[in-house]
Amino acid sequence: MLIVMVRKFVVGLLVLSGLAMPARADFIAGSDINTDNWSGGAWDTNGKFSHCVVQTRAQNGVVLYFSVASNYTWRVAWSHENWQLTADQT
């Protein structure tokens, strides 16, 4: 379930940032990160590192994400299951 959540986050983050995402990224076995309240891992495309993501959930339900792509581009994002944001909302 965590991998599915992280993948959904990465897809949404890349779409929102206007970057083209590879057609498929595979989870890199053994890259699991699970320490304290942080979790995540890394993905590859065609055998090359694509990106990695870590996340942590605050007590109020907000999830904080950090992601870095193969070109060293960093992203930070937040989500909450009760947020109801619409397109073009600022």
PDB file of N, CA and C in Angstrom:
ATOM      1  N   MET A   1       0.825  -1.189   0.000  1.00  0.00           N
ATOM      2  CA  MET A   1       0.000   0.000   0.000  1.00  0.00           C
ATOM      3  C   MET A   1       0.869   1.254   0.000  1.00  0.00           C
ATOM      4  N   LEU A   2       1.956   1.241   0.773  1.00  0.00           N
ATOM      5  CA  LEU A   2       2.851   2.392   0.813  1.00  0.00           C
ATOM      6  C   LEU A   2       3.442   2.668  -0.559  1.00  0.00           C
ATOM      7  N   ILE A   3       3.842   1.631  -1.259  1.00  0.00           N
ATOM      8  CA  ILE A   3       4.432   1.803  -2.583  1.00  0.00           C
ATOM      9  C   ILE A   3       3.410   2.421  -3.533  1.00  0.00           C
ATOM     10  N   VAL A   4       2.170   1.987  -3.448  1.00  0.00           N
ATOM     11  CA  VAL A   4       1.114   2.543  -4.294  1.00  0.00           C
ATOM     12  C   VAL A   4       0.907   4.022  -3.972  1.00  0.00           C
ATOM     13  N   MET A   5       0.885   4.375  -2.693  1.00  0.00           N
ATOM     14  CA  MET A   5       0.715   5.769  -2.293  1.00  0.00           C
ATOM     15  C   MET A   5       1.873   6.619  -2.800  1.00  0.00           C
ATOM     16  N   VAL A   6       3.083   6.110  -2.654  1.00  0.00           N
ATOM     17  CA  VAL A   6       4.259   6.861  -3.091  1.00  0.00           C
ATOM     18  C   VAL A   6       4.237   7.040  -4.600  1.00  0.00           C
ATOM     19  N   ARG A   7       3.887   5.974  -5.326  1.00  0.00           N
ATOM     20  CA  ARG A   7       3.819   6.089  -6.788  1.00  0.00           C
ATOM     21  C   ARG A   7       2.770   7.123  -7.205  1.00  0.00           C
ATOM     22  N   LYS A   8       1.603   7.114  -6.564  1.00  0.00           N
ATOM     23  CA  LYS A   8       0.567   8.102  -6.883  1.00  0.00           C
ATOM     24  C   LYS A   8       1.076   9.508  -6.621  1.00  0.00           C
ATOM     25  N   PHE A   9       1.785   9.672  -5.522  1.00  0.00           N
ATOM     26  CA  PHE A   9       2.349  10.970  -5.207  1.00  0.00           C
ATOM     27  C   PHE A   9       3.332  11.421  -6.274  1.00  0.00           C
ATOM     28  N   VAL A  10       4.233  10.549  -6.660  1.00  0.00           N
ATOM     29  CA  VAL A  10       5.256  10.901  -7.647  1.00  0.00           C
ATOM     30  C   VAL A  10       4.617  11.257  -8.975  1.00  0.00           C
ATOM     31  N   VAL A  11       3.633  10.481  -9.415  1.00  0.00           N
ATOM     32  CA  VAL A  11       2.941  10.788 -10.671  1.00  0.00           C
ATOM     33  C   VAL A  11       2.291  12.162 -10.582  1.00  0.00           C
ATOM     34  N   GLY A  12       1.565  12.415  -9.521  1.00  0.00           N
ATOM     35  CA  GLY A  12       0.923  13.713  -9.355  1.00  0.00           C
ATOM     36  C   GLY A  12       1.909  14.854  -9.269  1.00  0.00           C
ATOM     37  N   LEU A  13       2.990  14.648  -8.557  1.00  0.00           N
ATOM     38  CA  LEU A  13       4.009  15.679  -8.411  1.00  0.00           C
ATOM     39  C   LEU A  13       4.645  16.022  -9.745  1.00  0.00           C
ATOM     40  N   LEU A  14       4.971  15.026 -10.530  1.00  0.00           N
ATOM     41  CA  LEU A  14       5.604  15.283 -11.818  1.00  0.00           C
ATOM     42  C   LEU A  14       4.636  15.919 -12.806  1.00  0.00           C
ATOM     43  N   VAL A  15       3.380  15.504 -12.770  1.00  0.00           N
ATOM     44  CA  VAL A  15       2.386  16.125 -13.646  1.00  0.00           C
ATOM     45  C   VAL A  15       2.212  17.586 -13.263  1.00  0.00           C
ATOM     46  N   LEU A  16       2.094  17.856 -11.967  1.00  0.00           N
ATOM     47  CA  LEU A  16       1.920  19.232 -11.520  1.00  0.00           C
ATOM     48  C   LEU A  16       3.133  20.096 -11.821  1.00  0.00           C
ATOM     49  N   SER A  17       4.314  19.505 -11.798  1.00  0.00           N
ATOM     50  CA  SER A  17       5.524  20.286 -12.053  1.00  0.00           C
ATOM     51  C   SER A  17       5.781  20.476 -13.535  1.00  0.00           C
ATOM     52  N   GLY A  18       4.977  19.823 -14.384  1.00  0.00           N
ATOM     53  CA  GLY A  18       5.132  19.993 -15.821  1.00  0.00           C
ATOM     54  C   GLY A  18       6.249  19.163 -16.425  1.00  0.00           C
ATOM     55  N   LEU A  19       6.773  18.230 -15.681  1.00  0.00           N
ATOM     56  CA  LEU A  19       7.841  17.379 -16.198  1.00  0.00           C
ATOM     57  C   LEU A  19       7.252  16.145 -16.857  1.00  0.00           C
ATOM     58  N   ALA A  20       7.927  15.648 -17.870  1.00  0.00           N
ATOM     59  CA  ALA A  20       7.513  14.395 -18.504  1.00  0.00           C
ATOM     60  C   ALA A  20       8.011  13.246 -17.648  1.00  0.00           C
ATOM     61  N   MET A  21       7.147  12.307 -17.372  1.00  0.00           N
ATOM     62  CA  MET A  21       7.530  11.155 -16.567  1.00  0.00           C
ATOM     63  C   MET A  21       7.713   9.955 -17.476  1.00  0.00           C
ATOM     64  N   PRO A  22       8.715   9.130 -17.205  1.00  0.00           N
ATOM     65  CA  PRO A  22       8.878   7.921 -18.004  1.00  0.00           C
ATOM     66  C   PRO A  22       7.606   7.087 -17.972  1.00  0.00           C
ATOM     67  N   ALA A  23       7.405   6.297 -19.012  1.00  0.00           N
ATOM     68  CA  ALA A  23       6.194   5.489 -19.107  1.00  0.00           C
ATOM     69  C   ALA A  23       6.080   4.511 -17.948  1.00  0.00           C
ATOM     70  N   ARG A  24       7.222   4.034 -17.431  1.00  0.00           N
ATOM     71  CA  ARG A  24       7.161   3.072 -16.347  1.00  0.00           C
ATOM     72  C   ARG A  24       8.409   3.188 -15.485  1.00  0.00           C
ATOM     73  N   ALA A  25       8.213   3.119 -14.204  1.00  0.00           N
ATOM     74  CA  ALA A  25       9.325   3.091 -13.260  1.00  0.00           C
ATOM     75  C   ALA A  25       9.119   1.888 -12.352  1.00  0.00           C
ATOM     76  N   ASP A  26      10.173   1.139 -12.113  1.00  0.00           N
ATOM     77  CA  ASP A  26      10.098  -0.048 -11.270  1.00  0.00           C
ATOM     78  C   ASP A  26      10.780   0.212  -9.934  1.00  0.00           C
ATOM     79  N   PHE A  27      10.180  -0.287  -8.863  1.00  0.00           N
ATOM     80  CA  PHE A  27      10.760  -0.144  -7.530  1.00  0.00           C
ATOM     81  C   PHE A  27      12.074  -0.907  -7.485  1.00  0.00           C
ATOM     82  N   ILE A  28      13.099  -0.297  -6.920  1.00  0.00           N
ATOM     83  CA  ILE A  28      14.408  -0.939  -6.794  1.00  0.00           C
ATOM     84  C   ILE A  28      14.407  -1.767  -5.516  1.00  0.00           C
ATOM     85  N   ALA A  29      14.481  -3.078  -5.676  1.00  0.00           N
ATOM     86  CA  ALA A  29      14.477  -3.989  -4.527  1.00  0.00           C
ATOM     87  C   ALA A  29      15.620  -3.642  -3.585  1.00  0.00           C
ATOM     88  N   GLY A  30      15.318  -3.638  -2.296  1.00  0.00           N
ATOM     89  CA  GLY A  30      16.326  -3.347  -1.290  1.00  0.00           C
ATOM     90  C   GLY A  30      16.498  -1.870  -0.998  1.00  0.00           C
ATOM     91  N   SER A  31      15.766  -1.004  -1.705  1.00  0.00           N
ATOM     92  CA  SER A  31      15.894   0.436  -1.470  1.00  0.00           C
ATOM     93  C   SER A  31      14.870   0.953  -0.463  1.00  0.00           C
ATOM     94  N   ASP A  32      14.112   0.039   0.138  1.00  0.00           N
ATOM     95  CA  ASP A  32      13.093   0.437   1.117  1.00  0.00           C
ATOM     96  C   ASP A  32      13.714   1.276   2.229  1.00  0.00           C
ATOM     97  N   ILE A  33      13.017   2.345   2.576  1.00  0.00           N
ATOM     98  CA  ILE A  33      13.429   3.192   3.698  1.00  0.00           C
ATOM     99  C   ILE A  33      12.314   3.137   4.727  1.00  0.00           C
ATOM    100  N   ASN A  34      12.610   2.661   5.913  1.00  0.00           N
ATOM    101  CA  ASN A  34      11.640   2.598   7.006  1.00  0.00           C
ATOM    102  C   ASN A  34      12.388   2.867   8.302  1.00  0.00           C
ATOM    103  N   THR A  35      12.356   4.122   8.743  1.00  0.00           N
ATOM    104  CA  THR A  35      13.029   4.481   9.981  1.00  0.00           C
ATOM    105  C   THR A  35      12.214   5.540  10.699  1.00  0.00           C
ATOM    106  N   ASP A  36      12.038   5.349  11.986  1.00  0.00           N
ATOM    107  CA  ASP A  36      11.173   6.223  12.766  1.00  0.00           C
ATOM    108  C   ASP A  36       9.836   6.357  12.039  1.00  0.00           C
ATOM    109  N   ASN A  37       9.442   7.570  11.681  1.00  0.00           N
ATOM    110  CA  ASN A  37       8.164   7.781  11.007  1.00  0.00           C
ATOM    111  C   ASN A  37       8.354   8.057   9.513  1.00  0.00           C
ATOM    112  N   TRP A  38       9.533   7.732   8.965  1.00  0.00           N
ATOM    113  CA  TRP A  38       9.836   7.973   7.553  1.00  0.00           C
ATOM    114  C   TRP A  38       9.792   6.669   6.778  1.00  0.00           C
ATOM    115  N   SER A  39       9.295   6.732   5.533  1.00  0.00           N
ATOM    116  CA  SER A  39       9.296   5.561   4.662  1.00  0.00           C
ATOM    117  C   SER A  39       9.466   6.031   3.222  1.00  0.00           C
ATOM    118  N   GLY A  40       9.884   5.123   2.368  1.00  0.00           N
ATOM    119  CA  GLY A  40      10.056   5.461   0.963  1.00  0.00           C
ATOM    120  C   GLY A  40      10.943   4.461   0.255  1.00  0.00           C
ATOM    121  N   GLY A  41      11.511   4.890  -0.851  1.00  0.00           N
ATOM    122  CA  GLY A  41      12.376   4.024  -1.634  1.00  0.00           C
ATOM    123  C   GLY A  41      12.754   4.678  -2.942  1.00  0.00           C
ATOM    124  N   ALA A  42      13.378   3.881  -3.810  1.00  0.00           N
ATOM    125  CA  ALA A  42      13.878   4.382  -5.092  1.00  0.00           C
ATOM    126  C   ALA A  42      13.289   3.574  -6.243  1.00  0.00           C
ATOM    127  N   TRP A  43      13.240   4.194  -7.423  1.00  0.00           N
ATOM    128  CA  TRP A  43      12.704   3.564  -8.624  1.00  0.00           C
ATOM    129  C   TRP A  43      13.703   3.714  -9.769  1.00  0.00           C
ATOM    130  N   ASP A  44      13.619   2.784 -10.726  1.00  0.00           N
ATOM    131  CA  ASP A  44      14.462   2.891 -11.917  1.00  0.00           C
ATOM    132  C   ASP A  44      13.610   2.775 -13.169  1.00  0.00           C
ATOM    133  N   THR A  45      14.170   3.263 -14.260  1.00  0.00           N
ATOM    134  CA  THR A  45      13.563   3.141 -15.579  1.00  0.00           C
ATOM    135  C   THR A  45      14.622   2.578 -16.503  1.00  0.00           C
ATOM    136  N   ASN A  46      14.323   1.449 -17.111  1.00  0.00           N
ATOM    137  CA  ASN A  46      15.278   0.792 -18.018  1.00  0.00           C
ATOM    138  C   ASN A  46      16.618   0.536 -17.351  1.00  0.00           C
ATOM    139  N   GLY A  47      16.588   0.170 -16.062  1.00  0.00           N
ATOM    140  CA  GLY A  47      17.810  -0.173 -15.349  1.00  0.00           C
ATOM    141  C   GLY A  47      18.609   1.011 -14.845  1.00  0.00           C
ATOM    142  N   LYS A  48      18.109   2.223 -15.008  1.00  0.00           N
ATOM    143  CA  LYS A  48      18.806   3.418 -14.537  1.00  0.00           C
ATOM    144  C   LYS A  48      17.958   4.114 -13.482  1.00  0.00           C
ATOM    145  N   PHE A  49      18.617   4.643 -12.464  1.00  0.00           N
ATOM    146  CA  PHE A  49      17.925   5.358 -11.394  1.00  0.00           C
ATOM    147  C   PHE A  49      17.014   6.425 -11.983  1.00  0.00           C
ATOM    148  N   SER A  50      15.775   6.437 -11.536  1.00  0.00           N
ATOM    149  CA  SER A  50      14.791   7.411 -11.998  1.00  0.00           C
ATOM    150  C   SER A  50      14.534   8.476 -10.932  1.00  0.00           C
ATOM    151  N   HIS A  51      14.178   8.017  -9.725  1.00  0.00           N
ATOM    152  CA  HIS A  51      13.847   8.938  -8.643  1.00  0.00           C
ATOM    153  C   HIS A  51      13.726   8.182  -7.333  1.00  0.00           C
ATOM    154  N   CYS A  52      13.753   8.918  -6.245  1.00  0.00           N
ATOM    155  CA  CYS A  52      13.458   8.335  -4.937  1.00  0.00           C
ATOM    156  C   CYS A  52      12.543   9.291  -4.184  1.00  0.00           C
ATOM    157  N   VAL A  53      11.798   8.732  -3.254  1.00  0.00           N
ATOM    158  CA  VAL A  53      10.823   9.494  -2.485  1.00  0.00           C
ATOM    159  C   VAL A  53      10.835   9.005  -1.051  1.00  0.00           C
ATOM    160  N   VAL A  54      10.760   9.946  -0.115  1.00  0.00           N
ATOM    161  CA  VAL A  54      10.523   9.597   1.287  1.00  0.00           C
ATOM    162  C   VAL A  54       9.337  10.411   1.762  1.00  0.00           C
ATOM    163  N   GLN A  55       8.648   9.865   2.750  1.00  0.00           N
ATOM    164  CA  GLN A  55       7.472  10.548   3.292  1.00  0.00           C
ATOM    165  C   GLN A  55       7.367  10.317   4.778  1.00  0.00           C
ATOM    166  N   THR A  56       6.670  11.231   5.440  1.00  0.00           N
ATOM    167  CA  THR A  56       6.365  11.090   6.856  1.00  0.00           C
ATOM    168  C   THR A  56       4.996  11.706   7.114  1.00  0.00           C
ATOM    169  N   ARG A  57       4.273  11.146   8.055  1.00  0.00           N
ATOM    170  CA  ARG A  57       2.922  11.640   8.383  1.00  0.00           C
ATOM    171  C   ARG A  57       2.963  12.324   9.741  1.00  0.00           C
ATOM    172  N   ALA A  58       2.438  13.554   9.787  1.00  0.00           N
ATOM    173  CA  ALA A  58       2.341  14.307  11.035  1.00  0.00           C
ATOM    174  C   ALA A  58       1.109  13.854  11.815  1.00  0.00           C
ATOM    175  N   GLN A  59       1.039  14.212  13.074  1.00  0.00           N
ATOM    176  CA  GLN A  59      -0.098  13.821  13.909  1.00  0.00           C
ATOM    177  C   GLN A  59      -1.422  14.381  13.392  1.00  0.00           C
ATOM    178  N   ASN A  60      -1.388  15.511  12.686  1.00  0.00           N
ATOM    179  CA  ASN A  60      -2.618  16.109  12.161  1.00  0.00           C
ATOM    180  C   ASN A  60      -3.052  15.496  10.841  1.00  0.00           C
ATOM    181  N   GLY A  61      -2.320  14.473  10.351  1.00  0.00           N
ATOM    182  CA  GLY A  61      -2.694  13.782   9.130  1.00  0.00           C
ATOM    183  C   GLY A  61      -2.028  14.300   7.870  1.00  0.00           C
ATOM    184  N   VAL A  62      -1.312  15.415   7.959  1.00  0.00           N
ATOM    185  CA  VAL A  62      -0.605  15.947   6.791  1.00  0.00           C
ATOM    186  C   VAL A  62       0.610  15.062   6.513  1.00  0.00           C
ATOM    187  N   VAL A  63       0.782  14.707   5.237  1.00  0.00           N
ATOM    188  CA  VAL A  63       1.930  13.897   4.827  1.00  0.00           C
ATOM    189  C   VAL A  63       2.912  14.815   4.100  1.00  0.00           C
ATOM    190  N   LEU A  64       4.172  14.751   4.509  1.00  0.00           N
ATOM    191  CA  LEU A  64       5.246  15.534   3.910  1.00  0.00           C
ATOM    192  C   LEU A  64       6.088  14.596   3.053  1.00  0.00           C
ATOM    193  N   TYR A  65       6.369  15.001   1.808  1.00  0.00           N
ATOM    194  CA  TYR A  65       7.147  14.195   0.876  1.00  0.00           C
ATOM    195  C   TYR A  65       8.381  14.965   0.411  1.00  0.00           C
ATOM    196  N   PHE A  66       9.477  14.253   0.243  1.00  0.00           N
ATOM    197  CA  PHE A  66      10.662  14.772  -0.425  1.00  0.00           C
ATOM    198  C   PHE A  66      10.989  13.799  -1.552  1.00  0.00           C
ATOM    199  N   SER A  67      11.319  14.347  -2.721  1.00  0.00           N
ATOM    200  CA  SER A  67      11.659  13.512  -3.873  1.00  0.00           C
ATOM    201  C   SER A  67      12.864  14.115  -4.578  1.00  0.00           C
ATOM    202  N   VAL A  68      13.720  13.248  -5.109  1.00  0.00           N
ATOM    203  CA  VAL A  68      14.838  13.710  -5.936  1.00  0.00           C
ATOM    204  C   VAL A  68      14.882  12.835  -7.182  1.00  0.00           C
ATOM    205  N   ALA A  69      15.056  13.480  -8.334  1.00  0.00           N
ATOM    206  CA  ALA A  69      15.095  12.777  -9.615  1.00  0.00           C
ATOM    207  C   ALA A  69      16.546  12.530 -10.017  1.00  0.00           C
ATOM    208  N   SER A  70      16.721  11.776 -11.085  1.00  0.00           N
ATOM    209  CA  SER A  70      18.058  11.424 -11.547  1.00  0.00           C
ATOM    210  C   SER A  70      18.865  12.650 -11.972  1.00  0.00           C
ATOM    211  N   ASN A  71      18.204  13.746 -12.306  1.00  0.00           N
ATOM    212  CA  ASN A  71      18.919  14.969 -12.681  1.00  0.00           C
ATOM    213  C   ASN A  71      19.121  15.894 -11.477  1.00  0.00           C
ATOM    214  N   TYR A  72      18.938  15.357 -10.271  1.00  0.00           N
ATOM    215  CA  TYR A  72      19.125  16.062  -8.997  1.00  0.00           C
ATOM    216  C   TYR A  72      18.088  17.158  -8.754  1.00  0.00           C
ATOM    217  N   THR A  73      16.957  17.093  -9.438  1.00  0.00           N
ATOM    218  CA  THR A  73      15.862  18.020  -9.193  1.00  0.00           C
ATOM    219  C   THR A  73      15.123  17.567  -7.937  1.00  0.00           C
ATOM    220  N   TRP A  74      14.966  18.467  -6.983  1.00  0.00           N
ATOM    221  CA  TRP A  74      14.293  18.166  -5.724  1.00  0.00           C
ATOM    222  C   TRP A  74      12.856  18.665  -5.756  1.00  0.00           C
ATOM    223  N   ARG A  75      11.982  17.954  -5.090  1.00  0.00           N
ATOM    224  CA  ARG A  75      10.587  18.357  -4.938  1.00  0.00           C
ATOM    225  C   ARG A  75      10.180  18.177  -3.479  1.00  0.00           C
ATOM    226  N   VAL A  76       9.311  19.050  -3.021  1.00  0.00           N
ATOM    227  CA  VAL A  76       8.706  18.947  -1.695  1.00  0.00           C
ATOM    228  C   VAL A  76       7.203  19.070  -1.903  1.00  0.00           C
ATOM    229  N   ALA A  77       6.433  18.233  -1.222  1.00  0.00           N
ATOM    230  CA  ALA A  77       4.981  18.282  -1.367  1.00  0.00           C
ATOM    231  C   ALA A  77       4.319  17.911  -0.047  1.00  0.00           C
ATOM    232  N   TRP A  78       3.061  18.302   0.064  1.00  0.00           N
ATOM    233  CA  TRP A  78       2.247  17.969   1.225  1.00  0.00           C
ATOM    234  C   TRP A  78       0.912  17.437   0.736  1.00  0.00           C
ATOM    235  N   SER A  79       0.317  16.539   1.502  1.00  0.00           N
ATOM    236  CA  SER A  79      -1.015  16.053   1.170  1.00  0.00           C
ATOM    237  C   SER A  79      -1.780  15.747   2.461  1.00  0.00           C
ATOM    238  N   HIS A  80      -3.071  15.660   2.325  1.00  0.00           N
ATOM    239  CA  HIS A  80      -3.947  15.265   3.426  1.00  0.00           C
ATOM    240  C   HIS A  80      -5.189  14.659   2.795  1.00  0.00           C
ATOM    241  N   GLU A  81      -5.650  13.560   3.342  1.00  0.00           N
ATOM    242  CA  GLU A  81      -6.789  12.856   2.733  1.00  0.00           C
ATOM    243  C   GLU A  81      -8.065  13.689   2.725  1.00  0.00           C
ATOM    244  N   ASN A  82      -8.181  14.690   3.581  1.00  0.00           N
ATOM    245  CA  ASN A  82      -9.390  15.515   3.621  1.00  0.00           C
ATOM    246  C   ASN A  82      -9.299  16.775   2.758  1.00  0.00           C
ATOM    247  N   TRP A  83      -8.137  17.058   2.189  1.00  0.00           N
ATOM    248  CA  TRP A  83      -8.016  18.242   1.335  1.00  0.00           C
ATOM    249  C   TRP A  83      -8.779  18.002   0.046  1.00  0.00           C
ATOM    250  N   GLN A  84      -9.533  18.983  -0.389  1.00  0.00           N
ATOM    251  CA  GLN A  84     -10.326  18.901  -1.592  1.00  0.00           C
ATOM    252  C   GLN A  84      -9.942  20.055  -2.510  1.00  0.00           C
ATOM    253  N   LEU A  85      -8.778  19.943  -3.128  1.00  0.00           N
ATOM    254  CA  LEU A  85      -8.272  21.008  -3.981  1.00  0.00           C
ATOM    255  C   LEU A  85      -8.788  20.822  -5.405  1.00  0.00           C
ATOM    256  N   THR A  86      -8.993  21.935  -6.094  1.00  0.00           N
ATOM    257  CA  THR A  86      -9.459  21.876  -7.475  1.00  0.00           C
ATOM    258  C   THR A  86      -8.366  22.404  -8.407  1.00  0.00           C
ATOM    259  N   ALA A  87      -8.483  22.047  -9.679  1.00  0.00           N
ATOM    260  CA  ALA A  87      -7.501  22.498 -10.665  1.00  0.00           C
ATOM    261  C   ALA A  87      -7.429  24.010 -10.685  1.00  0.00           C
ATOM    262  N   ASP A  88      -6.240  24.540 -10.842  1.00  0.00           N
ATOM    263  CA  ASP A  88      -5.960  25.981 -10.927  1.00  0.00           C
ATOM    264  C   ASP A  88      -6.225  26.738  -9.631  1.00  0.00           C
ATOM    265  N   GLN A  89      -6.473  26.035  -8.563  1.00  0.00           N
ATOM    266  CA  GLN A  89      -6.669  26.699  -7.273  1.00  0.00           C
ATOM    267  C   GLN A  89      -5.314  27.153  -6.758  1.00  0.00           C
ATOM    268  N   THR A  90      -5.274  28.349  -6.165  1.00  0.00           N
ATOM    269  CA  THR A  90      -4.024  28.850  -5.590  1.00  0.00           C
ATOM    270  C   THR A  90      -4.147  28.984  -4.106  1.00  0.00           C
TER     271      THR A  90
END
